[in-house]
Amino acid sequence: MGKSTELAPGVNLAGLRKERGLTQRRLARLANVSVSLLSKIEVGDRTLTPAIAADLGRAMGVSMAEVLGQASVPQGDEARLAGLRSAVRDYDLPGCQAVEGDALRASVRAAGRHRDKAEVDRLLALLPGLLRNATTYAYAAHTTEGWMALSEVYSSVYWLAARHRWMDMAEPAVTRQSWAVEQKATPLGRAIAARDRAGAYLNGGDFEGGLMVVDRAIGQAQAGLSGQERAFAVGLLNLRGMTLAGRLKDKKEGKKERRKERRRRSATSLRPGRPPHGSSGTGTGTA
């Protein structure tokens, strides 16, 4: 999977557009998005969200999945991906065999390293078993550390799913992450979960909703944390908020352009038409 030659979402979108003989301006008009946003998506400066992909797909007569270019996995990794989906579904079904805490902590750290280095193949290989072990350990120990470890694993699942546009897994992963945090809630755990939840809003195109999540989480972090933990939590939430605010600005610009286009069309339709060729337009022609 790490050596995939699949097109990036923006490049894939540009290819679909050009295959249909559409300019950016024409496609933007048909899909009711701004030309600026479409241009930024195609060059990779803005995320292609499912909501925007759906609008663009309708305009081009293709499905949202075709526009997103949802990443597939090599045949050898299909079983691992199926195993990960199964582990996400079994969030409330801990295993019977005991899980050793030190071994679990080492695996969680390894997953974090793979994520930081974008080693997606290794992360996918590790996550199915790790998620099941973390679930079993959290239920058995029922400690803050155990539930935080589980929420961290779900955060990595969300990261992997969002990166590959597997939104059917990204959404439940971020929901499970928040659920795990609330079993033995800590202010820092809530802040990290809120960061990823706001990311799900971002991917879904609900920028206002994501900003509400961020604003509330910043208030909770400022009230419940201090020192370096407070600075870390507020910093990561502010970064997510800045991204959401940028997308919201693009969305508002798109609405402004659509209003201008409607006014232009309305003005054009109200203009008096030219008389047909060969007619004086005076209504005095002979019978």
C-alpha atoms as a PDB file:
ATOM      1  CA  MET A   1       0.000   0.000   0.000  1.00  0.00           C
ATOM      2  CA  GLY A   2       2.885   2.360   0.700  1.00  0.00           C
ATOM      3  CA  LYS A   3       4.011   1.950  -2.935  1.00  0.00           C
ATOM      4  CA  SER A   4       0.608   2.624  -4.466  1.00  0.00           C
ATOM      5  CA  THR A   5       0.598   4.520  -7.762  1.00  0.00           C
ATOM      6  CA  GLU A   6      -2.998   5.643  -7.366  1.00  0.00           C
ATOM      7  CA  LEU A   7      -3.759   9.271  -8.136  1.00  0.00           C
ATOM      8  CA  ALA A   8      -4.158  11.828  -5.388  1.00  0.00           C
ATOM      9  CA  PRO A   9      -7.770  13.049  -5.023  1.00  0.00           C
ATOM     10  CA  GLY A  10      -7.108  16.404  -6.683  1.00  0.00           C
ATOM     11  CA  VAL A  11      -5.231  14.865  -9.613  1.00  0.00           C
ATOM     12  CA  ASN A  12      -7.987  12.279 -10.032  1.00  0.00           C
ATOM     13  CA  LEU A  13     -10.609  15.046 -10.018  1.00  0.00           C
ATOM     14  CA  ALA A  14      -8.711  17.067 -12.622  1.00  0.00           C
ATOM     15  CA  GLY A  15      -8.490  13.995 -14.843  1.00  0.00           C
ATOM     16  CA  LEU A  16     -12.240  13.334 -14.625  1.00  0.00           C
ATOM     17  CA  ARG A  17     -12.956  16.975 -15.439  1.00  0.00           C
ATOM     18  CA  LYS A  18     -10.665  17.069 -18.465  1.00  0.00           C
ATOM     19  CA  GLU A  19     -12.025  13.754 -19.782  1.00  0.00           C
ATOM     20  CA  ARG A  20     -15.414  15.454 -19.995  1.00  0.00           C
ATOM     21  CA  GLY A  21     -14.090  18.569 -21.694  1.00  0.00           C
ATOM     22  CA  LEU A  22     -14.955  20.819 -18.759  1.00  0.00           C
ATOM     23  CA  THR A  23     -13.013  23.890 -17.717  1.00  0.00           C
ATOM     24  CA  GLN A  24     -12.608  24.627 -14.029  1.00  0.00           C
ATOM     25  CA  ARG A  25     -14.995  27.554 -14.352  1.00  0.00           C
ATOM     26  CA  ARG A  26     -17.650  25.435 -16.072  1.00  0.00           C
ATOM     27  CA  LEU A  27     -17.439  22.586 -13.551  1.00  0.00           C
ATOM     28  CA  ALA A  28     -17.455  25.012 -10.621  1.00  0.00           C
ATOM     29  CA  ARG A  29     -20.614  26.613 -12.011  1.00  0.00           C
ATOM     30  CA  LEU A  30     -22.349  23.255 -12.528  1.00  0.00           C
ATOM     31  CA  ALA A  31     -21.414  22.030  -9.037  1.00  0.00           C
ATOM     32  CA  ASN A  32     -22.098  25.342  -7.267  1.00  0.00           C
ATOM     33  CA  VAL A  33     -18.585  25.627  -5.829  1.00  0.00           C
ATOM     34  CA  SER A  34     -16.083  28.437  -6.190  1.00  0.00           C
ATOM     35  CA  VAL A  35     -13.457  28.325  -8.937  1.00  0.00           C
ATOM     36  CA  SER A  36     -10.856  29.184  -6.298  1.00  0.00           C
ATOM     37  CA  LEU A  37     -11.777  26.166  -4.168  1.00  0.00           C
ATOM     38  CA  LEU A  38     -11.842  23.810  -7.154  1.00  0.00           C
ATOM     39  CA  SER A  39      -8.422  25.014  -8.263  1.00  0.00           C
ATOM     40  CA  LYS A  40      -6.973  24.524  -4.771  1.00  0.00           C
ATOM     41  CA  ILE A  41      -8.422  21.010  -4.526  1.00  0.00           C
ATOM     42  CA  GLU A  42      -6.918  19.984  -7.854  1.00  0.00           C
ATOM     43  CA  VAL A  43      -3.410  21.078  -6.851  1.00  0.00           C
ATOM     44  CA  GLY A  44      -3.714  19.582  -3.364  1.00  0.00           C
ATOM     45  CA  ASP A  45      -3.950  22.806  -1.348  1.00  0.00           C
ATOM     46  CA  ARG A  46      -7.436  21.942  -0.067  1.00  0.00           C
ATOM     47  CA  THR A  47      -9.010  18.667   1.035  1.00  0.00           C
ATOM     48  CA  LEU A  48     -11.577  17.067  -1.243  1.00  0.00           C
ATOM     49  CA  THR A  49     -14.363  16.369   1.243  1.00  0.00           C
ATOM     50  CA  PRO A  50     -17.143  13.826   0.606  1.00  0.00           C
ATOM     51  CA  ALA A  51     -19.709  16.635   0.475  1.00  0.00           C
ATOM     52  CA  ILE A  52     -17.834  18.535  -2.244  1.00  0.00           C
ATOM     53  CA  ALA A  53     -17.030  15.280  -4.055  1.00  0.00           C
ATOM     54  CA  ALA A  54     -20.747  14.492  -4.153  1.00  0.00           C
ATOM     55  CA  ASP A  55     -21.553  17.909  -5.676  1.00  0.00           C
ATOM     56  CA  LEU A  56     -18.783  17.548  -8.269  1.00  0.00           C
ATOM     57  CA  GLY A  57     -19.826  13.980  -9.036  1.00  0.00           C
ATOM     58  CA  ARG A  58     -23.419  15.006  -9.733  1.00  0.00           C
ATOM     59  CA  ALA A  59     -22.183  17.732 -12.055  1.00  0.00           C
ATOM     60  CA  MET A  60     -20.042  15.241 -14.014  1.00  0.00           C
ATOM     61  CA  GLY A  61     -22.451  12.308 -13.872  1.00  0.00           C
ATOM     62  CA  VAL A  62     -20.204  10.057 -11.764  1.00  0.00           C
ATOM     63  CA  SER A  63     -20.351   8.709  -8.216  1.00  0.00           C
ATOM     64  CA  MET A  64     -18.817  10.331  -5.154  1.00  0.00           C
ATOM     65  CA  ALA A  65     -16.463   7.339  -4.772  1.00  0.00           C
ATOM     66  CA  GLU A  66     -15.186   7.839  -8.339  1.00  0.00           C
ATOM     67  CA  VAL A  67     -14.442  11.496  -7.596  1.00  0.00           C
ATOM     68  CA  LEU A  68     -12.719  10.708  -4.306  1.00  0.00           C
ATOM     69  CA  GLY A  69     -10.686   7.962  -5.934  1.00  0.00           C
ATOM     70  CA  GLN A  70     -11.075   5.957  -2.727  1.00  0.00           C
ATOM     71  CA  ALA A  71      -7.793   4.205  -2.079  1.00  0.00           C
ATOM     72  CA  SER A  72      -7.744   0.444  -2.437  1.00  0.00           C
ATOM     73  CA  VAL A  73      -5.298  -1.974  -0.866  1.00  0.00           C
ATOM     74  CA  PRO A  74      -3.100  -4.639  -2.431  1.00  0.00           C
ATOM     75  CA  GLN A  75      -4.592  -8.109  -2.399  1.00  0.00           C
ATOM     76  CA  GLY A  76      -2.267  -9.196   0.403  1.00  0.00           C
ATOM     77  CA  ASP A  77      -3.592  -6.456   2.688  1.00  0.00           C
ATOM     78  CA  GLU A  78      -7.300  -7.091   2.127  1.00  0.00           C
ATOM     79  CA  ALA A  79      -7.460  -9.578   5.002  1.00  0.00           C
ATOM     80  CA  ARG A  80      -5.763  -7.096   7.336  1.00  0.00           C
ATOM     81  CA  LEU A  81      -8.218  -4.364   6.408  1.00  0.00           C
ATOM     82  CA  ALA A  82     -11.147  -6.740   6.923  1.00  0.00           C
ATOM     83  CA  GLY A  83      -9.693  -7.672  10.296  1.00  0.00           C
ATOM     84  CA  LEU A  84      -9.432  -4.018  11.284  1.00  0.00           C
ATOM     85  CA  ARG A  85     -13.031  -3.327  10.284  1.00  0.00           C
ATOM     86  CA  SER A  86     -14.110  -6.327  12.356  1.00  0.00           C
ATOM     87  CA  ALA A  87     -12.158  -5.110  15.388  1.00  0.00           C
ATOM     88  CA  VAL A  88     -13.801  -1.681  15.131  1.00  0.00           C
ATOM     89  CA  ARG A  89     -17.230  -3.315  15.071  1.00  0.00           C
ATOM     90  CA  ASP A  90     -16.372  -5.433  18.128  1.00  0.00           C
ATOM     91  CA  TYR A  91     -15.620  -2.418  20.309  1.00  0.00           C
ATOM     92  CA  ASP A  92     -17.645  -3.834  23.232  1.00  0.00           C
ATOM     93  CA  LEU A  93     -16.499  -7.451  22.890  1.00  0.00           C
ATOM     94  CA  PRO A  94     -13.233  -7.914  24.816  1.00  0.00           C
ATOM     95  CA  GLY A  95     -11.246 -11.101  24.346  1.00  0.00           C
ATOM     96  CA  CYS A  96     -10.859 -13.876  26.887  1.00  0.00           C
ATOM     97  CA  GLN A  97      -7.073 -14.075  27.046  1.00  0.00           C
ATOM     98  CA  ALA A  98      -5.204 -11.738  29.384  1.00  0.00           C
ATOM     99  CA  VAL A  99      -3.162  -8.935  27.800  1.00  0.00           C
ATOM    100  CA  GLU A 100       0.115  -7.899  29.417  1.00  0.00           C
ATOM    101  CA  GLY A 101       0.325  -4.159  30.052  1.00  0.00           C
ATOM    102  CA  ASP A 102       3.979  -3.617  29.137  1.00  0.00           C
ATOM    103  CA  ALA A 103       3.584  -5.421  25.828  1.00  0.00           C
ATOM    104  CA  LEU A 104       0.488  -3.374  25.017  1.00  0.00           C
ATOM    105  CA  ARG A 105       2.225  -0.093  25.804  1.00  0.00           C
ATOM    106  CA  ALA A 106       5.149  -1.070  23.556  1.00  0.00           C
ATOM    107  CA  SER A 107       2.755  -1.839  20.695  1.00  0.00           C
ATOM    108  CA  VAL A 108       0.906   1.463  21.152  1.00  0.00           C
ATOM    109  CA  ARG A 109       4.235   3.313  20.968  1.00  0.00           C
ATOM    110  CA  ALA A 110       5.143   1.366  17.818  1.00  0.00           C
ATOM    111  CA  ALA A 111       1.839   2.357  16.221  1.00  0.00           C
ATOM    112  CA  GLY A 112       2.587   5.986  17.046  1.00  0.00           C
ATOM    113  CA  ARG A 113       5.989   5.739  15.361  1.00  0.00           C
ATOM    114  CA  HIS A 114       4.494   4.179  12.236  1.00  0.00           C
ATOM    115  CA  ARG A 115       1.911   6.953  12.129  1.00  0.00           C
ATOM    116  CA  ASP A 116       4.490   9.718  12.590  1.00  0.00           C
ATOM    117  CA  LYS A 117       6.597   8.272   9.765  1.00  0.00           C
ATOM    118  CA  ALA A 118       3.529   7.581   7.582  1.00  0.00           C
ATOM    119  CA  GLU A 119       4.457   3.889   7.445  1.00  0.00           C
ATOM    120  CA  VAL A 120       0.951   2.874   6.468  1.00  0.00           C
ATOM    121  CA  ASP A 121       1.790  -0.742   5.568  1.00  0.00           C
ATOM    122  CA  ARG A 122       3.269  -1.418   8.975  1.00  0.00           C
ATOM    123  CA  LEU A 123       0.485   0.417  10.737  1.00  0.00           C
ATOM    124  CA  LEU A 124      -2.205  -1.596   8.945  1.00  0.00           C
ATOM    125  CA  ALA A 125      -0.389  -4.816   9.817  1.00  0.00           C
ATOM    126  CA  LEU A 126      -0.247  -3.864  13.497  1.00  0.00           C
ATOM    127  CA  LEU A 127      -3.651  -2.300  14.122  1.00  0.00           C
ATOM    128  CA  PRO A 128      -6.133  -5.230  13.911  1.00  0.00           C
ATOM    129  CA  GLY A 129      -4.489  -7.240  16.678  1.00  0.00           C
ATOM    130  CA  LEU A 130      -3.513  -4.149  18.652  1.00  0.00           C
ATOM    131  CA  LEU A 131      -7.066  -2.823  18.682  1.00  0.00           C
ATOM    132  CA  ARG A 132      -8.414  -6.126  19.980  1.00  0.00           C
ATOM    133  CA  ASN A 133      -5.702  -6.342  22.654  1.00  0.00           C
ATOM    134  CA  ALA A 134      -6.254  -2.737  23.719  1.00  0.00           C
ATOM    135  CA  THR A 135      -9.996  -3.388  23.993  1.00  0.00           C
ATOM    136  CA  THR A 136      -9.441  -6.471  26.147  1.00  0.00           C
ATOM    137  CA  TYR A 137      -6.930  -4.678  28.364  1.00  0.00           C
ATOM    138  CA  ALA A 138      -9.132  -1.604  28.852  1.00  0.00           C
ATOM    139  CA  TYR A 139     -12.111  -3.685  29.959  1.00  0.00           C
ATOM    140  CA  ALA A 140     -10.024  -5.873  32.281  1.00  0.00           C
ATOM    141  CA  ALA A 141      -7.948  -3.140  33.925  1.00  0.00           C
ATOM    142  CA  HIS A 142     -10.623  -0.415  33.816  1.00  0.00           C
ATOM    143  CA  THR A 143      -8.022   2.247  34.521  1.00  0.00           C
ATOM    144  CA  THR A 144      -7.465   5.673  33.036  1.00  0.00           C
ATOM    145  CA  GLU A 145      -4.268   4.398  31.433  1.00  0.00           C
ATOM    146  CA  GLY A 146      -6.051   1.454  29.830  1.00  0.00           C
ATOM    147  CA  TRP A 147      -8.861   3.502  28.321  1.00  0.00           C
ATOM    148  CA  MET A 148      -6.456   6.203  27.161  1.00  0.00           C
ATOM    149  CA  ALA A 149      -4.368   3.532  25.395  1.00  0.00           C
ATOM    150  CA  LEU A 150      -7.508   2.298  23.633  1.00  0.00           C
ATOM    151  CA  SER A 151      -8.475   5.831  22.590  1.00  0.00           C
ATOM    152  CA  GLU A 152      -4.952   6.342  21.207  1.00  0.00           C
ATOM    153  CA  VAL A 153      -5.286   3.197  19.108  1.00  0.00           C
ATOM    154  CA  TYR A 154      -8.633   4.416  17.756  1.00  0.00           C
ATOM    155  CA  SER A 155      -6.955   7.724  16.905  1.00  0.00           C
ATOM    156  CA  SER A 156      -4.470   5.815  14.737  1.00  0.00           C
ATOM    157  CA  VAL A 157      -7.330   3.879  13.119  1.00  0.00           C
ATOM    158  CA  TYR A 158      -9.031   7.182  12.308  1.00  0.00           C
ATOM    159  CA  TRP A 159      -5.802   8.625  10.895  1.00  0.00           C
ATOM    160  CA  LEU A 160      -5.271   5.615   8.629  1.00  0.00           C
ATOM    161  CA  ALA A 161      -8.899   5.558   7.447  1.00  0.00           C
ATOM    162  CA  ALA A 162      -9.074   9.304   6.777  1.00  0.00           C
ATOM    163  CA  ARG A 163      -5.752   9.211   4.914  1.00  0.00           C
ATOM    164  CA  HIS A 164      -7.107   6.570   2.530  1.00  0.00           C
ATOM    165  CA  ARG A 165     -10.603   8.082   2.364  1.00  0.00           C
ATOM    166  CA  TRP A 166     -12.226   5.006   3.962  1.00  0.00           C
ATOM    167  CA  MET A 167     -14.923   7.217   5.477  1.00  0.00           C
ATOM    168  CA  ASP A 168     -17.097   4.240   6.396  1.00  0.00           C
ATOM    169  CA  MET A 169     -14.398   3.324   8.930  1.00  0.00           C
ATOM    170  CA  ALA A 170     -13.164   6.807   9.826  1.00  0.00           C
ATOM    171  CA  GLU A 171     -16.510   7.916  11.278  1.00  0.00           C
ATOM    172  CA  PRO A 172     -16.992   4.974  13.692  1.00  0.00           C
ATOM    173  CA  ALA A 173     -13.315   5.103  14.672  1.00  0.00           C
ATOM    174  CA  VAL A 174     -13.539   8.688  15.900  1.00  0.00           C
ATOM    175  CA  THR A 175     -16.830   7.893  17.672  1.00  0.00           C
ATOM    176  CA  ARG A 176     -15.224   4.913  19.441  1.00  0.00           C
ATOM    177  CA  GLN A 177     -12.277   7.106  20.383  1.00  0.00           C
ATOM    178  CA  SER A 178     -14.535   9.577  22.193  1.00  0.00           C
ATOM    179  CA  TRP A 179     -16.415   6.694  23.814  1.00  0.00           C
ATOM    180  CA  ALA A 180     -13.160   5.186  25.147  1.00  0.00           C
ATOM    181  CA  VAL A 181     -12.034   8.519  26.590  1.00  0.00           C
ATOM    182  CA  GLU A 182     -15.304   8.970  28.463  1.00  0.00           C
ATOM    183  CA  GLN A 183     -14.942   5.637  30.287  1.00  0.00           C
ATOM    184  CA  LYS A 184     -12.247   7.245  32.463  1.00  0.00           C
ATOM    185  CA  ALA A 185     -12.222  10.792  31.215  1.00  0.00           C
ATOM    186  CA  THR A 186      -9.197  13.081  31.408  1.00  0.00           C
ATOM    187  CA  PRO A 187      -9.025  16.643  30.041  1.00  0.00           C
ATOM    188  CA  LEU A 188      -6.081  15.789  27.774  1.00  0.00           C
ATOM    189  CA  GLY A 189      -7.806  12.713  26.392  1.00  0.00           C
ATOM    190  CA  ARG A 190     -10.909  14.742  25.664  1.00  0.00           C
ATOM    191  CA  ALA A 191      -8.864  17.374  23.842  1.00  0.00           C
ATOM    192  CA  ILE A 192      -7.186  14.801  21.579  1.00  0.00           C
ATOM    193  CA  ALA A 193     -10.520  13.100  20.877  1.00  0.00           C
ATOM    194  CA  ALA A 194     -12.086  16.472  20.076  1.00  0.00           C
ATOM    195  CA  ARG A 195      -9.251  17.219  17.629  1.00  0.00           C
ATOM    196  CA  ASP A 196     -10.007  14.014  15.724  1.00  0.00           C
ATOM    197  CA  ARG A 197     -13.777  14.509  15.950  1.00  0.00           C
ATOM    198  CA  ALA A 198     -13.368  17.973  14.439  1.00  0.00           C
ATOM    199  CA  GLY A 199     -11.328  16.291  11.699  1.00  0.00           C
ATOM    200  CA  ALA A 200     -14.332  14.106  10.898  1.00  0.00           C
ATOM    201  CA  TYR A 201     -16.448  17.261  10.562  1.00  0.00           C
ATOM    202  CA  LEU A 202     -13.757  18.678   8.273  1.00  0.00           C
ATOM    203  CA  ASN A 203     -13.806  15.580   6.061  1.00  0.00           C
ATOM    204  CA  GLY A 204     -17.597  15.781   5.912  1.00  0.00           C
ATOM    205  CA  GLY A 205     -17.608  19.432   4.878  1.00  0.00           C
ATOM    206  CA  ASP A 206     -19.343  20.654   8.065  1.00  0.00           C
ATOM    207  CA  PHE A 207     -16.820  23.351   8.922  1.00  0.00           C
ATOM    208  CA  GLU A 208     -19.118  25.293  11.235  1.00  0.00           C
ATOM    209  CA  GLY A 209     -19.829  22.152  13.264  1.00  0.00           C
ATOM    210  CA  GLY A 210     -16.125  21.357  13.478  1.00  0.00           C
ATOM    211  CA  LEU A 211     -15.340  24.845  14.749  1.00  0.00           C
ATOM    212  CA  MET A 212     -17.993  24.452  17.439  1.00  0.00           C
ATOM    213  CA  VAL A 213     -16.314  21.217  18.575  1.00  0.00           C
ATOM    214  CA  VAL A 214     -12.918  22.953  18.638  1.00  0.00           C
ATOM    215  CA  ASP A 215     -14.148  26.037  20.514  1.00  0.00           C
ATOM    216  CA  ARG A 216     -15.831  23.956  23.197  1.00  0.00           C
ATOM    217  CA  ALA A 217     -12.789  21.706  23.589  1.00  0.00           C
ATOM    218  CA  ILE A 218     -10.439  24.696  23.927  1.00  0.00           C
ATOM    219  CA  GLY A 219     -12.602  26.050  26.738  1.00  0.00           C
ATOM    220  CA  GLN A 220     -12.546  22.687  28.505  1.00  0.00           C
ATOM    221  CA  ALA A 221      -8.787  22.349  28.071  1.00  0.00           C
ATOM    222  CA  GLN A 222      -8.133  25.828  29.443  1.00  0.00           C
ATOM    223  CA  ALA A 223     -10.303  25.096  32.456  1.00  0.00           C
ATOM    224  CA  GLY A 224      -9.075  21.555  33.162  1.00  0.00           C
ATOM    225  CA  LEU A 225      -5.388  21.573  32.236  1.00  0.00           C
ATOM    226  CA  SER A 226      -2.295  23.548  33.179  1.00  0.00           C
ATOM    227  CA  GLY A 227       1.334  23.891  32.154  1.00  0.00           C
ATOM    228  CA  GLN A 228       2.681  21.926  29.199  1.00  0.00           C
ATOM    229  CA  GLU A 229      -0.409  19.734  28.875  1.00  0.00           C
ATOM    230  CA  ARG A 230      -2.601  22.810  28.539  1.00  0.00           C
ATOM    231  CA  ALA A 231      -0.282  24.355  25.954  1.00  0.00           C
ATOM    232  CA  PHE A 232      -0.164  21.092  23.986  1.00  0.00           C
ATOM    233  CA  ALA A 233      -3.936  20.592  23.997  1.00  0.00           C
ATOM    234  CA  VAL A 234      -4.783  24.184  23.081  1.00  0.00           C
ATOM    235  CA  GLY A 235      -2.091  24.185  20.389  1.00  0.00           C
ATOM    236  CA  LEU A 236      -3.328  21.077  18.594  1.00  0.00           C
ATOM    237  CA  LEU A 237      -6.931  22.283  18.811  1.00  0.00           C
ATOM    238  CA  ASN A 238      -5.993  25.694  17.433  1.00  0.00           C
ATOM    239  CA  LEU A 239      -4.263  24.033  14.476  1.00  0.00           C
ATOM    240  CA  ARG A 240      -7.431  22.104  13.676  1.00  0.00           C
ATOM    241  CA  GLY A 241      -9.468  25.274  14.107  1.00  0.00           C
ATOM    242  CA  MET A 242      -7.249  27.184  11.666  1.00  0.00           C
ATOM    243  CA  THR A 243      -7.775  24.513   9.023  1.00  0.00           C
ATOM    244  CA  LEU A 244     -11.537  24.538   9.556  1.00  0.00           C
ATOM    245  CA  ALA A 245     -11.651  28.335   9.403  1.00  0.00           C
ATOM    246  CA  GLY A 246      -9.777  28.297   6.100  1.00  0.00           C
ATOM    247  CA  ARG A 247     -12.242  25.818   4.601  1.00  0.00           C
ATOM    248  CA  LEU A 248     -15.165  27.858   5.932  1.00  0.00           C
ATOM    249  CA  LYS A 249     -13.786  30.951   4.203  1.00  0.00           C
ATOM    250  CA  ASP A 250     -13.620  29.027   0.926  1.00  0.00           C
ATOM    251  CA  LYS A 251     -17.197  27.862   1.431  1.00  0.00           C
ATOM    252  CA  LYS A 252     -18.413  31.423   1.983  1.00  0.00           C
ATOM    253  CA  GLU A 253     -16.509  32.613  -1.083  1.00  0.00           C
ATOM    254  CA  GLY A 254     -18.224  29.886  -3.075  1.00  0.00           C
ATOM    255  CA  LYS A 255     -21.639  31.035  -1.887  1.00  0.00           C
ATOM    256  CA  LYS A 256     -20.758  34.615  -2.835  1.00  0.00           C
ATOM    257  CA  GLU A 257     -19.738  33.539  -6.326  1.00  0.00           C
ATOM    258  CA  ARG A 258     -22.955  31.547  -6.719  1.00  0.00           C
ATOM    259  CA  ARG A 259     -25.029  34.597  -5.757  1.00  0.00           C
ATOM    260  CA  LYS A 260     -23.134  36.687  -8.314  1.00  0.00           C
ATOM    261  CA  GLU A 261     -23.728  34.024 -10.953  1.00  0.00           C
ATOM    262  CA  ARG A 262     -27.465  33.912 -10.209  1.00  0.00           C
ATOM    263  CA  ARG A 263     -27.675  37.700 -10.466  1.00  0.00           C
ATOM    264  CA  ARG A 264     -25.757  37.623 -13.753  1.00  0.00           C
ATOM    265  CA  ARG A 265     -28.078  34.983 -15.187  1.00  0.00           C
ATOM    266  CA  SER A 266     -31.118  36.876 -14.000  1.00  0.00           C
ATOM    267  CA  ALA A 267     -29.899  40.102 -15.591  1.00  0.00           C
ATOM    268  CA  THR A 268     -29.132  38.275 -18.845  1.00  0.00           C
ATOM    269  CA  SER A 269     -32.584  36.710 -18.997  1.00  0.00           C
ATOM    270  CA  LEU A 270     -34.216  40.133 -18.553  1.00  0.00           C
ATOM    271  CA  ARG A 271     -32.373  41.801 -21.436  1.00  0.00           C
ATOM    272  CA  PRO A 272     -34.511  42.384 -24.582  1.00  0.00           C
ATOM    273  CA  GLY A 273     -33.582  39.902 -27.273  1.00  0.00           C
ATOM    274  CA  ARG A 274     -32.365  40.856 -30.704  1.00  0.00           C
ATOM    275  CA  PRO A 275     -34.927  40.614 -33.539  1.00  0.00           C
ATOM    276  CA  PRO A 276     -34.633  37.548 -35.774  1.00  0.00           C
ATOM    277  CA  HIS A 277     -32.296  37.781 -38.760  1.00  0.00           C
ATOM    278  CA  GLY A 278     -34.008  39.485 -41.683  1.00  0.00           C
ATOM    279  CA  SER A 279     -36.607  41.222 -39.515  1.00  0.00           C
ATOM    280  CA  SER A 280     -36.637  44.917 -38.763  1.00  0.00           C
ATOM    281  CA  GLY A 281     -38.285  44.250 -35.446  1.00  0.00           C
ATOM    282  CA  THR A 282     -40.829  47.010 -36.157  1.00  0.00           C
ATOM    283  CA  GLY A 283     -43.752  44.727 -36.774  1.00  0.00           C
ATOM    284  CA  THR A 284     -44.504  46.436 -40.176  1.00  0.00           C
ATOM    285  CA  GLY A 285     -43.604  43.569 -42.469  1.00  0.00           C
ATOM    286  CA  THR A 286     -46.031  42.727 -45.319  1.00  0.00           C
ATOM    287  CA  ALA A 287     -48.213  39.654 -45.249  1.00  0.00           C
END
